Amino acid sequence: MVGTNSPVSVRLDVDTRERLNALANRLESTPHALMRQAVAEFVEKRSTASSSSNAKSKLKVITRPLRIVSLHVV
């Protein structure tokens, strides 16, 4: 549905969360707004690249252990 938001949880390590907060402050934005923009841009980029046979191989997977900070994105 257009105009309907769906809550999503994102778990970030402490360092990433601190960097996200600092960036949001510097840009006079919110961490929430930056995460929404980042996800939208990632999905758009990957959606247009999905016709490429190498699209899956270009996806970087994070495999290192993370220190968890819980976020709730709405």
Foldseek 3Di string as FASTA:
>chain_A
DPPDDDKDKDKAAPVVVVVLQVVCVVVVHHSLVVVVVVVVVVCVVLVVCVVPPCSVVPDDDDDDDGHTDIDMHD
